[in-house]
């Protein structure tokens, strides 16, 4: 009986590993509405409190923050956005960096990464075992001007599903 159970469960454990995605390793968050160094400090402190953020580096001149992930929990674009908004500001662009360690994925095919569901809307998607950058697409993750441009170019792929994070492959 134990052997039968082992024979049934072993493929599940081994098979499950090949579909496990790594976490995002970092990102770059462009904030809007900042007017002084205290504004930068407020966002910096808010981002540092997120359990999955291990390091925040501010670039005051460009109102951008370079983020390193690796703490506790899954990387959540929604929590990054909320942290910036809790500090009283807005996200102008959110870029995420990761390594794709699976078979290539097709445009428009949802996948789960950590605790979030994502999909690439760009024609190009990450290749196997390659580092990549992508932009989170959606209201509150881009300036209105940038979002309008993307809506024009990718309108057939954009969805209103708020539980799905759509990504535009950068490189």
N, C-alpha and C. Protein backbone atom coordinates (compact mmCIF):
# COMPACT_ATOMS: atom_id res chain seq x y z
N UNK A 1 0.82 -1.19 0.00
CA UNK A 1 0.00 0.00 0.00
C UNK A 1 0.87 1.27 0.00
N UNK A 2 1.93 1.25 0.82
CA UNK A 2 2.82 2.41 0.88
C UNK A 2 3.53 2.64 -0.44
N UNK A 3 3.90 1.55 -1.10
CA UNK A 3 4.57 1.67 -2.40
C UNK A 3 3.63 2.28 -3.43
N UNK A 4 2.38 1.88 -3.40
CA UNK A 4 1.39 2.41 -4.33
C UNK A 4 1.21 3.91 -4.11
N UNK A 5 1.12 4.31 -2.85
CA UNK A 5 0.97 5.72 -2.52
C UNK A 5 2.20 6.51 -2.99
N UNK A 6 3.38 5.94 -2.78
CA UNK A 6 4.61 6.58 -3.23
C UNK A 6 4.66 6.71 -4.75
N UNK A 7 4.23 5.69 -5.44
CA UNK A 7 4.22 5.71 -6.91
C UNK A 7 3.25 6.79 -7.42
N UNK A 8 2.16 7.01 -6.71
CA UNK A 8 1.17 8.02 -7.13
C UNK A 8 1.66 9.42 -6.78
N UNK A 9 2.22 9.61 -5.60
CA UNK A 9 2.62 10.95 -5.16
C UNK A 9 3.94 11.44 -5.74
N UNK A 10 4.88 10.57 -6.00
CA UNK A 10 6.18 10.96 -6.51
C UNK A 10 6.09 11.78 -7.80
N UNK A 11 5.32 11.34 -8.81
CA UNK A 11 5.23 12.17 -10.03
C UNK A 11 4.62 13.55 -9.76
N UNK A 12 3.72 13.63 -8.78
CA UNK A 12 3.13 14.93 -8.46
C UNK A 12 4.18 15.88 -7.90
N UNK A 13 5.03 15.36 -7.01
CA UNK A 13 6.08 16.20 -6.44
C UNK A 13 7.12 16.58 -7.49
N UNK A 14 7.55 15.64 -8.27
CA UNK A 14 8.55 15.92 -9.29
C UNK A 14 7.96 16.76 -10.41
N UNK A 15 6.77 16.44 -10.83
CA UNK A 15 6.12 17.18 -11.91
C UNK A 15 5.80 18.60 -11.51
N UNK A 16 5.45 18.81 -10.24
CA UNK A 16 5.12 20.15 -9.77
C UNK A 16 6.32 21.08 -9.82
N UNK A 17 7.51 20.55 -9.65
CA UNK A 17 8.70 21.39 -9.65
C UNK A 17 8.96 22.04 -11.00
N UNK A 18 8.65 21.35 -12.08
CA UNK A 18 8.94 21.93 -13.38
C UNK A 18 8.00 23.07 -13.74
N UNK A 19 6.93 23.23 -12.99
CA UNK A 19 6.00 24.32 -13.25
C UNK A 19 6.09 25.41 -12.20
N UNK A 20 7.08 25.36 -11.34
CA UNK A 20 7.27 26.37 -10.33
C UNK A 20 8.06 27.53 -10.92
N UNK A 21 7.53 28.71 -10.80
CA UNK A 21 8.19 29.89 -11.33
C UNK A 21 8.98 30.57 -10.22
N UNK A 22 10.10 31.15 -10.57
CA UNK A 22 10.88 31.92 -9.60
C UNK A 22 10.16 33.24 -9.34
N UNK A 23 10.57 33.90 -8.32
CA UNK A 23 10.00 35.21 -8.01
C UNK A 23 10.68 36.30 -8.85
N UNK A 24 10.04 37.43 -8.92
CA UNK A 24 10.71 38.60 -9.48
C UNK A 24 11.86 38.94 -8.55
N UNK A 25 12.98 39.38 -9.11
CA UNK A 25 14.14 39.70 -8.30
C UNK A 25 14.26 41.18 -7.96
N UNK A 26 13.62 42.02 -8.74
CA UNK A 26 13.71 43.45 -8.47
C UNK A 26 12.81 44.24 -9.40
N UNK A 27 13.00 45.54 -9.36
CA UNK A 27 12.18 46.38 -10.21
C UNK A 27 12.59 47.84 -10.11
N UNK A 28 11.88 48.62 -10.87
CA UNK A 28 12.10 50.08 -10.87
C UNK A 28 10.73 50.73 -10.85
N UNK A 29 10.50 51.58 -9.89
CA UNK A 29 9.22 52.24 -9.73
C UNK A 29 9.40 53.74 -9.93
N UNK A 30 8.71 54.28 -10.89
CA UNK A 30 8.73 55.72 -11.15
C UNK A 30 7.50 56.31 -10.46
N UNK A 31 7.70 57.27 -9.58
CA UNK A 31 6.58 57.89 -8.86
C UNK A 31 6.26 59.25 -9.48
N UNK A 32 5.02 59.69 -9.31
CA UNK A 32 4.62 61.01 -9.79
C UNK A 32 4.08 61.83 -8.62
N UNK A 33 4.16 63.13 -8.77
CA UNK A 33 3.64 64.03 -7.76
C UNK A 33 4.64 64.45 -6.70
N UNK A 34 5.89 64.06 -6.84
CA UNK A 34 6.91 64.40 -5.85
C UNK A 34 7.42 65.82 -6.09
N UNK A 35 7.63 66.55 -5.00
CA UNK A 35 8.11 67.92 -5.14
C UNK A 35 9.39 68.19 -4.35
N UNK A 36 9.73 67.29 -3.42
CA UNK A 36 10.91 67.56 -2.60
C UNK A 36 11.50 66.26 -2.06
N UNK A 37 12.60 66.38 -1.34
CA UNK A 37 13.28 65.21 -0.77
C UNK A 37 12.41 64.51 0.27
N UNK A 38 11.55 65.25 0.96
CA UNK A 38 10.66 64.62 1.95
C UNK A 38 9.64 63.71 1.27
N UNK A 39 9.23 64.07 0.06
CA UNK A 39 8.31 63.22 -0.70
C UNK A 39 8.99 61.88 -1.00
N UNK A 40 10.24 61.96 -1.45
CA UNK A 40 11.02 60.75 -1.72
C UNK A 40 11.16 59.90 -0.47
N UNK A 41 11.41 60.56 0.64
CA UNK A 41 11.60 59.84 1.91
C UNK A 41 10.31 59.11 2.30
N UNK A 42 9.17 59.74 2.11
CA UNK A 42 7.89 59.12 2.48
C UNK A 42 7.64 57.84 1.67
N UNK A 43 7.91 57.90 0.36
CA UNK A 43 7.73 56.72 -0.48
C UNK A 43 8.76 55.66 -0.11
N UNK A 44 9.99 56.08 0.08
CA UNK A 44 11.08 55.16 0.45
C UNK A 44 10.69 54.36 1.69
N UNK A 45 10.23 55.04 2.72
CA UNK A 45 9.85 54.38 3.97
C UNK A 45 8.65 53.45 3.78
N UNK A 46 7.72 53.87 2.98
CA UNK A 46 6.53 53.05 2.73
C UNK A 46 6.89 51.76 1.98
N UNK A 47 7.76 51.87 0.98
CA UNK A 47 8.18 50.69 0.22
C UNK A 47 9.01 49.74 1.08
N UNK A 48 9.84 50.28 1.96
CA UNK A 48 10.68 49.45 2.83
C UNK A 48 9.86 48.58 3.78
N UNK A 49 8.66 48.98 4.06
CA UNK A 49 7.82 48.23 5.00
C UNK A 49 7.20 46.98 4.39
N UNK A 50 7.25 46.86 3.07
CA UNK A 50 6.68 45.68 2.42
C UNK A 50 7.56 44.47 2.71
N UNK A 51 6.96 43.34 3.08
CA UNK A 51 7.75 42.18 3.50
C UNK A 51 8.62 41.57 2.40
N UNK A 52 8.26 41.76 1.13
CA UNK A 52 9.04 41.17 0.03
C UNK A 52 10.12 42.11 -0.50
N UNK A 53 10.18 43.32 0.00
CA UNK A 53 11.20 44.29 -0.43
C UNK A 53 12.37 44.23 0.53
N UNK A 54 13.56 43.97 0.00
CA UNK A 54 14.75 43.89 0.85
C UNK A 54 15.63 45.14 0.76
N UNK A 55 15.50 45.89 -0.34
CA UNK A 55 16.32 47.09 -0.50
C UNK A 55 15.60 48.10 -1.39
N UNK A 56 15.68 49.37 -1.02
CA UNK A 56 15.11 50.46 -1.82
C UNK A 56 16.20 51.51 -2.01
N UNK A 57 16.46 51.86 -3.25
CA UNK A 57 17.42 52.92 -3.57
C UNK A 57 16.66 54.02 -4.31
N UNK A 58 16.74 55.24 -3.80
CA UNK A 58 16.02 56.36 -4.40
C UNK A 58 16.92 57.16 -5.34
N UNK A 59 16.35 57.58 -6.45
CA UNK A 59 17.00 58.50 -7.37
C UNK A 59 16.15 59.76 -7.36
N UNK A 60 16.53 60.72 -6.56
CA UNK A 60 15.72 61.92 -6.34
C UNK A 60 15.50 62.70 -7.63
N UNK A 61 16.50 62.78 -8.49
CA UNK A 61 16.38 63.56 -9.72
C UNK A 61 15.29 63.04 -10.65
N UNK A 62 15.14 61.71 -10.72
CA UNK A 62 14.14 61.15 -11.64
C UNK A 62 12.89 60.63 -10.93
N UNK A 63 12.81 60.86 -9.62
CA UNK A 63 11.67 60.38 -8.82
C UNK A 63 11.44 58.88 -9.00
N UNK A 64 12.54 58.14 -9.07
CA UNK A 64 12.46 56.70 -9.28
C UNK A 64 13.08 55.96 -8.10
N UNK A 65 12.66 54.73 -7.95
CA UNK A 65 13.15 53.88 -6.88
C UNK A 65 13.53 52.53 -7.46
N UNK A 66 14.76 52.10 -7.19
CA UNK A 66 15.21 50.78 -7.61
C UNK A 66 14.95 49.85 -6.44
N UNK A 67 14.25 48.76 -6.72
CA UNK A 67 13.83 47.84 -5.67
C UNK A 67 14.51 46.49 -5.82
N UNK A 68 14.85 45.89 -4.70
CA UNK A 68 15.37 44.53 -4.68
C UNK A 68 14.39 43.70 -3.87
N UNK A 69 13.97 42.58 -4.44
CA UNK A 69 13.02 41.71 -3.78
C UNK A 69 13.72 40.47 -3.25
N UNK A 70 13.12 39.84 -2.29
CA UNK A 70 13.68 38.61 -1.76
C UNK A 70 13.30 38.39 -0.32
N UNK A 71 12.52 39.26 0.23
CA UNK A 71 12.07 39.09 1.61
C UNK A 71 10.99 38.04 1.69
N UNK A 72 10.14 38.18 2.66
CA UNK A 72 9.05 37.23 2.87
C UNK A 72 7.86 37.56 1.99
N UNK A 73 7.22 36.55 1.46
CA UNK A 73 6.02 36.75 0.66
C UNK A 73 6.32 36.93 -0.81
N UNK A 74 5.27 36.88 -1.58
CA UNK A 74 5.36 37.03 -3.03
C UNK A 74 5.33 38.50 -3.41
N UNK A 75 6.03 38.82 -4.48
CA UNK A 75 6.02 40.19 -5.00
C UNK A 75 4.63 40.49 -5.51
N UNK A 76 4.10 41.61 -5.08
CA UNK A 76 2.75 42.01 -5.47
C UNK A 76 2.75 43.43 -6.04
N UNK A 77 2.45 43.56 -7.35
CA UNK A 77 2.34 44.91 -7.92
C UNK A 77 1.29 45.75 -7.19
N UNK A 78 0.22 45.13 -6.76
CA UNK A 78 -0.85 45.86 -6.07
C UNK A 78 -0.35 46.43 -4.74
N UNK A 79 0.49 45.69 -4.03
CA UNK A 79 1.02 46.17 -2.75
C UNK A 79 2.05 47.28 -2.97
N UNK A 80 2.82 47.19 -4.05
CA UNK A 80 3.76 48.26 -4.37
C UNK A 80 2.99 49.55 -4.67
N UNK A 81 1.95 49.44 -5.47
CA UNK A 81 1.11 50.60 -5.81
C UNK A 81 0.47 51.17 -4.55
N UNK A 82 -0.06 50.32 -3.69
CA UNK A 82 -0.71 50.77 -2.47
C UNK A 82 0.28 51.49 -1.54
N UNK A 83 1.52 51.00 -1.48
CA UNK A 83 2.54 51.63 -0.64
C UNK A 83 2.82 53.06 -1.11
N UNK A 84 2.92 53.25 -2.42
CA UNK A 84 3.16 54.58 -2.97
C UNK A 84 1.95 55.48 -2.71
N UNK A 85 0.76 54.96 -2.92
CA UNK A 85 -0.45 55.75 -2.70
C UNK A 85 -0.67 56.06 -1.22
N UNK A 86 -0.30 55.14 -0.33
CA UNK A 86 -0.39 55.40 1.11
C UNK A 86 0.53 56.53 1.53
N UNK A 87 1.62 56.71 0.80
CA UNK A 87 2.55 57.81 1.08
C UNK A 87 2.04 59.12 0.48
N UNK A 88 0.95 59.06 -0.30
CA UNK A 88 0.34 60.27 -0.87
C UNK A 88 0.71 60.57 -2.31
N UNK A 89 1.23 59.57 -3.03
CA UNK A 89 1.69 59.80 -4.39
C UNK A 89 1.14 58.74 -5.34
N UNK A 90 1.60 58.75 -6.58
CA UNK A 90 1.09 57.83 -7.59
C UNK A 90 2.24 57.16 -8.33
N UNK A 91 1.95 55.99 -8.89
CA UNK A 91 2.93 55.27 -9.70
C UNK A 91 2.85 55.79 -11.12
N UNK A 92 3.99 56.17 -11.70
CA UNK A 92 4.05 56.61 -13.09
C UNK A 92 4.44 55.47 -14.01
N UNK A 93 5.21 54.52 -13.47
CA UNK A 93 5.59 53.31 -14.22
C UNK A 93 6.17 52.31 -13.22
N UNK A 94 5.82 51.06 -13.41
CA UNK A 94 6.36 49.98 -12.59
C UNK A 94 6.97 48.94 -13.51
N UNK A 95 8.29 48.81 -13.43
CA UNK A 95 9.01 47.77 -14.18
C UNK A 95 9.43 46.69 -13.21
N UNK A 96 9.28 45.45 -13.62
CA UNK A 96 9.70 44.31 -12.81
C UNK A 96 10.76 43.52 -13.56
N UNK A 97 11.73 42.98 -12.83
CA UNK A 97 12.81 42.18 -13.39
C UNK A 97 12.71 40.78 -12.81
N UNK A 98 12.91 39.80 -13.67
CA UNK A 98 12.88 38.42 -13.21
C UNK A 98 13.68 37.52 -14.14
N UNK A 99 13.68 36.25 -13.83
CA UNK A 99 14.30 35.26 -14.69
C UNK A 99 13.25 34.23 -15.05
N UNK A 100 13.08 34.01 -16.33
CA UNK A 100 12.09 33.04 -16.81
C UNK A 100 12.76 31.68 -16.84
N UNK A 101 12.26 30.75 -16.03
CA UNK A 101 12.91 29.44 -15.95
C UNK A 101 11.98 28.31 -16.43
N UNK A 102 11.09 28.63 -17.34
CA UNK A 102 10.16 27.66 -17.87
C UNK A 102 10.21 27.68 -19.40
N UNK A 103 9.39 26.83 -20.00
CA UNK A 103 9.26 26.87 -21.45
C UNK A 103 8.74 28.24 -21.85
N UNK A 104 9.04 28.67 -23.07
CA UNK A 104 8.51 29.97 -23.51
C UNK A 104 6.99 29.99 -23.38
N UNK A 105 6.47 31.16 -23.09
CA UNK A 105 5.02 31.31 -22.91
C UNK A 105 4.47 32.16 -24.03
N UNK A 106 3.25 31.89 -24.42
CA UNK A 106 2.62 32.64 -25.50
C UNK A 106 1.94 33.89 -24.97
N UNK A 107 1.82 34.85 -25.82
CA UNK A 107 1.11 36.09 -25.53
C UNK A 107 -0.34 35.77 -25.13
N UNK A 108 -0.79 36.42 -24.08
CA UNK A 108 -2.19 36.28 -23.68
C UNK A 108 -2.52 35.04 -22.87
N UNK A 109 -1.51 34.24 -22.54
CA UNK A 109 -1.76 33.02 -21.75
C UNK A 109 -1.46 33.34 -20.28
N UNK A 110 -2.48 33.31 -19.42
CA UNK A 110 -2.26 33.62 -18.00
C UNK A 110 -1.37 32.56 -17.34
N UNK A 111 -0.54 33.01 -16.39
CA UNK A 111 0.28 32.11 -15.60
C UNK A 111 0.35 32.64 -14.18
N UNK A 112 0.56 31.75 -13.24
CA UNK A 112 0.65 32.13 -11.83
C UNK A 112 2.12 32.21 -11.46
N UNK A 113 2.47 33.32 -10.83
CA UNK A 113 3.83 33.53 -10.37
C UNK A 113 3.73 34.01 -8.93
N UNK A 114 4.18 33.20 -8.00
CA UNK A 114 3.96 33.53 -6.60
C UNK A 114 2.50 33.37 -6.29
N UNK A 115 1.87 34.40 -5.81
CA UNK A 115 0.44 34.36 -5.50
C UNK A 115 -0.37 35.21 -6.48
N UNK A 116 0.23 35.66 -7.56
CA UNK A 116 -0.41 36.56 -8.51
C UNK A 116 -0.60 35.87 -9.86
N UNK A 117 -1.57 36.33 -10.62
CA UNK A 117 -1.77 35.84 -11.98
C UNK A 117 -1.35 36.94 -12.94
N UNK A 118 -0.51 36.57 -13.91
CA UNK A 118 0.03 37.51 -14.88
C UNK A 118 -0.22 36.98 -16.29
N UNK A 119 -0.04 37.87 -17.27
CA UNK A 119 0.02 37.46 -18.68
C UNK A 119 0.79 38.52 -19.44
N UNK A 120 1.51 38.08 -20.46
CA UNK A 120 2.21 39.01 -21.34
C UNK A 120 1.29 39.40 -22.47
N UNK A 121 1.22 40.69 -22.75
CA UNK A 121 0.39 41.16 -23.87
C UNK A 121 1.23 41.51 -25.09
N UNK A 122 2.55 41.57 -24.91
CA UNK A 122 3.43 41.90 -26.02
C UNK A 122 3.68 40.66 -26.88
N UNK A 123 4.00 40.87 -28.15
CA UNK A 123 4.28 39.76 -29.06
C UNK A 123 5.50 38.98 -28.59
N UNK A 124 6.49 39.68 -28.05
CA UNK A 124 7.69 39.03 -27.55
C UNK A 124 7.48 38.71 -26.06
N UNK A 125 7.90 37.53 -25.66
CA UNK A 125 7.83 37.10 -24.27
C UNK A 125 9.18 36.55 -23.86
N UNK A 126 9.42 36.33 -22.57
CA UNK A 126 10.74 35.85 -22.14
C UNK A 126 11.09 34.48 -22.71
N UNK A 127 12.37 34.29 -22.94
CA UNK A 127 12.89 33.00 -23.39
C UNK A 127 13.33 32.21 -22.16
N UNK A 128 13.49 30.93 -22.34
CA UNK A 128 13.87 30.05 -21.25
C UNK A 128 15.19 30.48 -20.61
N UNK A 129 15.21 30.50 -19.28
CA UNK A 129 16.40 30.82 -18.47
C UNK A 129 17.03 32.16 -18.84
N UNK A 130 16.22 33.11 -19.14
CA UNK A 130 16.72 34.44 -19.48
C UNK A 130 16.17 35.48 -18.52
N UNK A 131 17.00 36.42 -18.14
CA UNK A 131 16.55 37.55 -17.35
C UNK A 131 15.72 38.46 -18.25
N UNK A 132 14.70 39.07 -17.70
CA UNK A 132 13.85 39.94 -18.49
C UNK A 132 13.34 41.10 -17.65
N UNK A 133 12.93 42.14 -18.34
CA UNK A 133 12.26 43.29 -17.73
C UNK A 133 10.90 43.41 -18.38
N UNK A 134 9.93 43.82 -17.58
CA UNK A 134 8.59 44.03 -18.13
C UNK A 134 7.95 45.21 -17.39
N UNK A 135 6.96 45.78 -18.03
CA UNK A 135 6.20 46.88 -17.45
C UNK A 135 4.83 46.36 -17.08
N UNK A 136 4.37 46.71 -15.88
CA UNK A 136 3.02 46.36 -15.47
C UNK A 136 2.08 47.34 -16.15
N UNK A 137 1.10 46.81 -16.86
CA UNK A 137 0.16 47.64 -17.63
C UNK A 137 -1.16 47.70 -16.87
N UNK A 138 -1.72 48.88 -16.78
CA UNK A 138 -3.02 49.03 -16.14
C UNK A 138 -3.15 50.38 -15.48
N UNK A 139 -4.38 50.73 -15.19
CA UNK A 139 -4.65 52.01 -14.54
C UNK A 139 -4.00 52.01 -13.16
N UNK A 140 -3.25 53.05 -12.88
CA UNK A 140 -2.57 53.17 -11.61
C UNK A 140 -1.14 52.65 -11.64
N UNK A 141 -0.73 52.03 -12.76
CA UNK A 141 0.63 51.53 -12.88
C UNK A 141 1.42 52.29 -13.94
N UNK A 142 0.77 53.14 -14.69
CA UNK A 142 1.38 53.96 -15.74
C UNK A 142 0.72 55.33 -15.72
N UNK A 143 1.41 56.32 -16.28
CA UNK A 143 0.76 57.62 -16.44
C UNK A 143 -0.37 57.46 -17.47
N UNK A 144 -1.32 58.34 -17.45
CA UNK A 144 -2.45 58.27 -18.40
C UNK A 144 -1.95 58.33 -19.85
N UNK A 145 -0.95 59.16 -20.10
CA UNK A 145 -0.40 59.28 -21.46
C UNK A 145 0.18 57.95 -21.93
N UNK A 146 0.99 57.32 -21.10
CA UNK A 146 1.59 56.03 -21.45
C UNK A 146 0.53 54.95 -21.62
N UNK A 147 -0.47 54.96 -20.75
CA UNK A 147 -1.53 53.96 -20.82
C UNK A 147 -2.35 54.12 -22.10
N UNK A 148 -2.63 55.36 -22.50
CA UNK A 148 -3.36 55.60 -23.76
C UNK A 148 -2.60 55.03 -24.95
N UNK A 149 -1.28 55.25 -24.97
CA UNK A 149 -0.45 54.75 -26.07
C UNK A 149 -0.49 53.22 -26.11
N UNK A 150 -0.37 52.58 -24.97
CA UNK A 150 -0.41 51.12 -24.91
C UNK A 150 -1.80 50.60 -25.28
N UNK A 151 -2.83 51.29 -24.83
CA UNK A 151 -4.20 50.88 -25.19
C UNK A 151 -4.40 50.90 -26.70
N UNK A 152 -3.80 51.88 -27.36
CA UNK A 152 -3.93 51.97 -28.82
C UNK A 152 -3.23 50.81 -29.49
N UNK A 153 -2.03 50.49 -29.04
CA UNK A 153 -1.22 49.45 -29.67
C UNK A 153 -1.65 48.02 -29.30
N UNK A 154 -2.15 47.84 -28.08
CA UNK A 154 -2.45 46.48 -27.60
C UNK A 154 -3.91 46.31 -27.21
N UNK A 155 -4.80 47.08 -27.77
CA UNK A 155 -6.20 47.08 -27.36
C UNK A 155 -6.86 45.70 -27.40
N UNK A 156 -6.51 44.87 -28.37
CA UNK A 156 -7.14 43.56 -28.47
C UNK A 156 -6.73 42.61 -27.36
N UNK A 157 -5.64 42.92 -26.64
CA UNK A 157 -5.15 42.04 -25.58
C UNK A 157 -5.43 42.55 -24.17
N UNK A 158 -5.80 43.83 -24.04
CA UNK A 158 -6.03 44.39 -22.72
C UNK A 158 -7.35 43.88 -22.15
N UNK A 159 -7.31 43.55 -20.86
CA UNK A 159 -8.49 43.05 -20.17
C UNK A 159 -8.77 43.93 -18.96
N UNK A 160 -10.00 43.94 -18.54
CA UNK A 160 -10.39 44.74 -17.38
C UNK A 160 -10.35 43.93 -16.08
N UNK A 161 -9.89 42.70 -16.14
CA UNK A 161 -9.83 41.82 -14.98
C UNK A 161 -8.80 42.36 -13.99
N UNK A 162 -9.26 42.83 -12.83
CA UNK A 162 -8.33 43.44 -11.87
C UNK A 162 -7.49 42.40 -11.13
N UNK A 163 -7.85 41.14 -11.21
CA UNK A 163 -7.07 40.09 -10.54
C UNK A 163 -5.91 39.62 -11.42
N UNK A 164 -5.85 40.10 -12.65
CA UNK A 164 -4.83 39.68 -13.61
C UNK A 164 -3.90 40.86 -13.89
N UNK A 165 -2.60 40.64 -13.71
CA UNK A 165 -1.62 41.69 -14.01
C UNK A 165 -1.07 41.45 -15.41
N UNK A 166 -1.27 42.43 -16.27
CA UNK A 166 -0.77 42.30 -17.63
C UNK A 166 0.60 42.94 -17.74
N UNK A 167 1.48 42.26 -18.47
CA UNK A 167 2.87 42.68 -18.56
C UNK A 167 3.26 42.94 -20.00
N UNK A 168 4.04 43.96 -20.19
CA UNK A 168 4.58 44.30 -21.50
C UNK A 168 6.08 44.02 -21.45
N UNK A 169 6.54 43.06 -22.23
CA UNK A 169 7.94 42.66 -22.24
C UNK A 169 8.80 43.82 -22.72
N UNK A 170 9.86 44.14 -21.99
CA UNK A 170 10.77 45.21 -22.39
C UNK A 170 12.04 44.61 -22.96
N UNK A 171 12.69 43.69 -22.24
CA UNK A 171 13.88 42.98 -22.74
C UNK A 171 14.20 41.84 -21.83
